[in-house]
Amino acid sequence: MAIKIKPKSFGPLTLSSNGDGSYTTTTDAGNVSLSGAPATAEVSAPYDLIMAALGSCIGVSFEMAAKQKKLEPGNIDITVNAAKAEDLPSRFGRFDVTVALDGIEDDEVALGLLKLAKEMCTVSNTLNAEITLSLHRDADKGGE
């Protein structure tokens, strides 16, 4: 049986130059934000946006995976770190995504959901970089 993937398109996402190195970004849903360089409290750098896209995609995918398994993930906090590749062309060479959650106590189940989330995440599947995922537990909860 062949797997059928439902076609889907995204956008438009528009960026308009503000003349100072920043761009006003507007999504098709009407979300407006600023991006560019240098990064400030109001302006997100492009690298911040790609890291946010990866983290939020992993989070959404994790919630979807948990729902498929009829599990409640509880609160989810995600930290994304990235490292630039050490060769050309200029790009990210690695992403490290740490997921902290309080709703799923069994680490084996949580790690299984994390693996499934990475497989489901459109952003992680699009990036051509190593992506590692880890599960974080508070020390007082006896986890990692």
C-alpha atoms as a PDB file:
ATOM      1  CA  MET A   1       0.000   0.000   0.000  1.00  0.00           C
ATOM      2  CA  ALA A   2       1.489   3.338  -1.044  1.00  0.00           C
ATOM      3  CA  ILE A   3       1.490   6.230   1.371  1.00  0.00           C
ATOM      4  CA  LYS A   4      -0.421   9.188   0.042  1.00  0.00           C
ATOM      5  CA  ILE A   5       0.616  12.648   1.132  1.00  0.00           C
ATOM      6  CA  LYS A   6      -2.043  15.281   0.950  1.00  0.00           C
ATOM      7  CA  PRO A   7      -0.854  18.308  -1.059  1.00  0.00           C
ATOM      8  CA  LYS A   8      -0.624  21.508   0.926  1.00  0.00           C
ATOM      9  CA  SER A   9       0.736  24.931   0.151  1.00  0.00           C
ATOM     10  CA  PHE A  10       1.857  27.653   2.536  1.00  0.00           C
ATOM     11  CA  GLY A  11       1.877  31.429   2.355  1.00  0.00           C
ATOM     12  CA  PRO A  12       1.966  33.980   1.223  1.00  0.00           C
ATOM     13  CA  LEU A  13       4.323  35.395   3.804  1.00  0.00           C
ATOM     14  CA  THR A  14       5.399  38.885   2.807  1.00  0.00           C
ATOM     15  CA  LEU A  15       8.373  40.944   3.962  1.00  0.00           C
ATOM     16  CA  SER A  16       8.639  44.690   3.441  1.00  0.00           C
ATOM     17  CA  SER A  17      11.908  46.553   3.996  1.00  0.00           C
ATOM     18  CA  ASN A  18      11.848  49.254   6.655  1.00  0.00           C
ATOM     19  CA  GLY A  19      15.064  50.826   5.302  1.00  0.00           C
ATOM     20  CA  ASP A  20      17.078  50.140   8.452  1.00  0.00           C
ATOM     21  CA  GLY A  21      18.029  46.483   8.013  1.00  0.00           C
ATOM     22  CA  SER A  22      14.706  45.309   9.414  1.00  0.00           C
ATOM     23  CA  TYR A  23      11.690  43.887   7.613  1.00  0.00           C
ATOM     24  CA  THR A  24       8.038  43.844   8.531  1.00  0.00           C
ATOM     25  CA  THR A  25       6.770  40.311   8.029  1.00  0.00           C
ATOM     26  CA  THR A  26       3.094  39.584   7.546  1.00  0.00           C
ATOM     27  CA  THR A  27       1.751  36.038   7.420  1.00  0.00           C
ATOM     28  CA  ASP A  28      -1.333  34.910   5.553  1.00  0.00           C
ATOM     29  CA  ALA A  29      -3.077  34.672   8.935  1.00  0.00           C
ATOM     30  CA  GLY A  30      -2.325  38.351   9.588  1.00  0.00           C
ATOM     31  CA  ASN A  31       0.483  37.961  12.136  1.00  0.00           C
ATOM     32  CA  VAL A  32       2.879  40.906  11.878  1.00  0.00           C
ATOM     33  CA  SER A  33       6.435  40.852  13.209  1.00  0.00           C
ATOM     34  CA  LEU A  34       9.814  42.453  12.642  1.00  0.00           C
ATOM     35  CA  SER A  35      12.921  40.602  11.536  1.00  0.00           C
ATOM     36  CA  GLY A  36      16.357  41.564  10.348  1.00  0.00           C
ATOM     37  CA  ALA A  37      19.736  42.595  11.673  1.00  0.00           C
ATOM     38  CA  PRO A  38      20.838  43.523  14.168  1.00  0.00           C
ATOM     39  CA  ALA A  39      18.542  41.657  16.522  1.00  0.00           C
ATOM     40  CA  THR A  40      16.871  43.768  19.208  1.00  0.00           C
ATOM     41  CA  ALA A  41      14.024  43.288  21.651  1.00  0.00           C
ATOM     42  CA  GLU A  42      11.666  44.240  18.804  1.00  0.00           C
ATOM     43  CA  VAL A  43      13.500  42.708  15.830  1.00  0.00           C
ATOM     44  CA  SER A  44      14.047  38.958  15.507  1.00  0.00           C
ATOM     45  CA  ALA A  45      17.173  37.877  13.664  1.00  0.00           C
ATOM     46  CA  PRO A  46      16.663  35.395  10.818  1.00  0.00           C
ATOM     47  CA  TYR A  47      18.521  32.722  12.807  1.00  0.00           C
ATOM     48  CA  ASP A  48      16.105  33.252  15.713  1.00  0.00           C
ATOM     49  CA  LEU A  49      13.184  32.708  13.362  1.00  0.00           C
ATOM     50  CA  ILE A  50      14.497  29.431  11.972  1.00  0.00           C
ATOM     51  CA  MET A  51      15.208  28.201  15.507  1.00  0.00           C
ATOM     52  CA  ALA A  52      11.696  29.277  16.579  1.00  0.00           C
ATOM     53  CA  ALA A  53      10.210  27.510  13.548  1.00  0.00           C
ATOM     54  CA  LEU A  54      12.020  24.295  14.456  1.00  0.00           C
ATOM     55  CA  GLY A  55      11.100  24.470  18.146  1.00  0.00           C
ATOM     56  CA  SER A  56       7.451  25.286  17.574  1.00  0.00           C
ATOM     57  CA  CYS A  57       7.158  22.605  14.882  1.00  0.00           C
ATOM     58  CA  ILE A  58       8.619  19.994  17.249  1.00  0.00           C
ATOM     59  CA  GLY A  59       6.196  21.179  19.954  1.00  0.00           C
ATOM     60  CA  VAL A  60       3.125  21.046  17.725  1.00  0.00           C
ATOM     61  CA  SER A  61       4.211  17.665  16.346  1.00  0.00           C
ATOM     62  CA  PHE A  62       4.810  16.345  19.876  1.00  0.00           C
ATOM     63  CA  GLU A  63       1.297  17.390  20.893  1.00  0.00           C
ATOM     64  CA  MET A  64      -0.121  15.705  17.772  1.00  0.00           C
ATOM     65  CA  ALA A  65       1.828  12.508  18.498  1.00  0.00           C
ATOM     66  CA  ALA A  66       0.625  12.494  22.112  1.00  0.00           C
ATOM     67  CA  LYS A  67      -2.973  13.016  20.972  1.00  0.00           C
ATOM     68  CA  GLN A  68      -2.643  10.087  18.526  1.00  0.00           C
ATOM     69  CA  LYS A  69      -1.570   7.919  21.481  1.00  0.00           C
ATOM     70  CA  LYS A  70      -4.350   9.367  23.654  1.00  0.00           C
ATOM     71  CA  LEU A  71      -1.810  10.898  26.054  1.00  0.00           C
ATOM     72  CA  GLU A  72      -1.834  14.316  27.711  1.00  0.00           C
ATOM     73  CA  PRO A  73       1.614  15.947  27.452  1.00  0.00           C
ATOM     74  CA  GLY A  74       0.894  18.688  30.001  1.00  0.00           C
ATOM     75  CA  ASN A  75       3.091  21.772  29.880  1.00  0.00           C
ATOM     76  CA  ILE A  76       5.821  21.713  27.257  1.00  0.00           C
ATOM     77  CA  ASP A  77       8.885  23.970  27.302  1.00  0.00           C
ATOM     78  CA  ILE A  78      11.323  23.805  24.404  1.00  0.00           C
ATOM     79  CA  THR A  79      14.872  25.156  24.183  1.00  0.00           C
ATOM     80  CA  VAL A  80      16.649  25.317  20.827  1.00  0.00           C
ATOM     81  CA  ASN A  81      20.375  25.884  20.400  1.00  0.00           C
ATOM     82  CA  ALA A  82      22.214  25.952  17.101  1.00  0.00           C
ATOM     83  CA  ALA A  83      25.813  25.880  15.950  1.00  0.00           C
ATOM     84  CA  LYS A  84      27.138  27.224  12.704  1.00  0.00           C
ATOM     85  CA  ALA A  85      28.802  24.758  10.367  1.00  0.00           C
ATOM     86  CA  GLU A  86      32.587  24.966  10.382  1.00  0.00           C
ATOM     87  CA  ASP A  87      32.888  24.834   6.590  1.00  0.00           C
ATOM     88  CA  LEU A  88      31.345  26.668   3.651  1.00  0.00           C
ATOM     89  CA  PRO A  89      28.735  27.574   2.684  1.00  0.00           C
ATOM     90  CA  SER A  90      27.632  29.593   5.715  1.00  0.00           C
ATOM     91  CA  ARG A  91      24.806  27.673   7.378  1.00  0.00           C
ATOM     92  CA  PHE A  92      23.719  25.948  10.553  1.00  0.00           C
ATOM     93  CA  GLY A  93      25.495  22.632  11.001  1.00  0.00           C
ATOM     94  CA  ARG A  94      23.616  21.441  14.061  1.00  0.00           C
ATOM     95  CA  PHE A  95      20.467  22.056  16.077  1.00  0.00           C
ATOM     96  CA  ASP A  96      19.937  20.818  19.624  1.00  0.00           C
ATOM     97  CA  VAL A  97      16.330  20.767  20.786  1.00  0.00           C
ATOM     98  CA  THR A  98      15.522  20.035  24.429  1.00  0.00           C
ATOM     99  CA  VAL A  99      11.934  19.349  25.421  1.00  0.00           C
ATOM    100  CA  ALA A 100      10.840  19.637  29.043  1.00  0.00           C
ATOM    101  CA  LEU A 101       7.404  18.335  29.933  1.00  0.00           C
ATOM    102  CA  ASP A 102       5.461  17.452  33.036  1.00  0.00           C
ATOM    103  CA  GLY A 103       2.514  15.444  31.729  1.00  0.00           C
ATOM    104  CA  ILE A 104       4.245  12.211  30.680  1.00  0.00           C
ATOM    105  CA  GLU A 105       6.241  10.610  33.485  1.00  0.00           C
ATOM    106  CA  ASP A 106       7.572   7.566  31.599  1.00  0.00           C
ATOM    107  CA  ASP A 107      10.813   8.582  29.837  1.00  0.00           C
ATOM    108  CA  GLU A 108      10.569   5.715  27.338  1.00  0.00           C
ATOM    109  CA  VAL A 109       7.092   6.858  26.271  1.00  0.00           C
ATOM    110  CA  ALA A 110       8.195  10.514  26.147  1.00  0.00           C
ATOM    111  CA  LEU A 111      11.288   9.701  24.066  1.00  0.00           C
ATOM    112  CA  GLY A 112       9.150   7.624  21.690  1.00  0.00           C
ATOM    113  CA  LEU A 113       6.829  10.599  21.230  1.00  0.00           C
ATOM    114  CA  LEU A 114       9.836  12.859  20.693  1.00  0.00           C
ATOM    115  CA  LYS A 115      11.138  10.584  17.935  1.00  0.00           C
ATOM    116  CA  LEU A 116       7.688  10.518  16.328  1.00  0.00           C
ATOM    117  CA  ALA A 117       7.448  14.311  16.603  1.00  0.00           C
ATOM    118  CA  LYS A 118      10.748  14.724  14.738  1.00  0.00           C
ATOM    119  CA  GLU A 119       9.513  12.394  11.996  1.00  0.00           C
ATOM    120  CA  MET A 120       6.263  14.383  11.692  1.00  0.00           C
ATOM    121  CA  CYS A 121       7.802  17.878  11.858  1.00  0.00           C
ATOM    122  CA  THR A 122       7.862  19.535   8.446  1.00  0.00           C
ATOM    123  CA  VAL A 123      10.579  21.969   9.551  1.00  0.00           C
ATOM    124  CA  SER A 124      12.976  19.326  10.907  1.00  0.00           C
ATOM    125  CA  ASN A 125      12.428  17.259   7.770  1.00  0.00           C
ATOM    126  CA  THR A 126      13.220  20.308   5.639  1.00  0.00           C
ATOM    127  CA  LEU A 127      16.434  21.381   7.343  1.00  0.00           C
ATOM    128  CA  ASN A 128      19.652  19.918   6.041  1.00  0.00           C
ATOM    129  CA  ALA A 129      21.408  19.810   9.396  1.00  0.00           C
ATOM    130  CA  GLU A 130      21.906  17.376  12.237  1.00  0.00           C
ATOM    131  CA  ILE A 131      19.099  17.745  14.753  1.00  0.00           C
ATOM    132  CA  THR A 132      19.396  16.146  18.168  1.00  0.00           C
ATOM    133  CA  LEU A 133      16.501  15.929  20.570  1.00  0.00           C
ATOM    134  CA  SER A 134      16.676  15.412  24.318  1.00  0.00           C
ATOM    135  CA  LEU A 135      14.191  15.156  27.138  1.00  0.00           C
ATOM    136  CA  HIS A 136      14.716  17.334  30.205  1.00  0.00           C
ATOM    137  CA  ARG A 137      13.386  16.479  33.649  1.00  0.00           C
ATOM    138  CA  ASP A 138      13.695  18.586  36.778  1.00  0.00           C
ATOM    139  CA  ALA A 139      16.180  16.990  39.180  1.00  0.00           C
ATOM    140  CA  ASP A 140      13.512  16.637  41.869  1.00  0.00           C
ATOM    141  CA  LYS A 141      11.370  14.518  39.536  1.00  0.00           C
ATOM    142  CA  GLY A 142      14.060  11.863  39.114  1.00  0.00           C
ATOM    143  CA  GLY A 143      14.424  12.163  35.339  1.00  0.00           C
ATOM    144  CA  GLU A 144      17.329  13.062  33.068  1.00  0.00           C
END
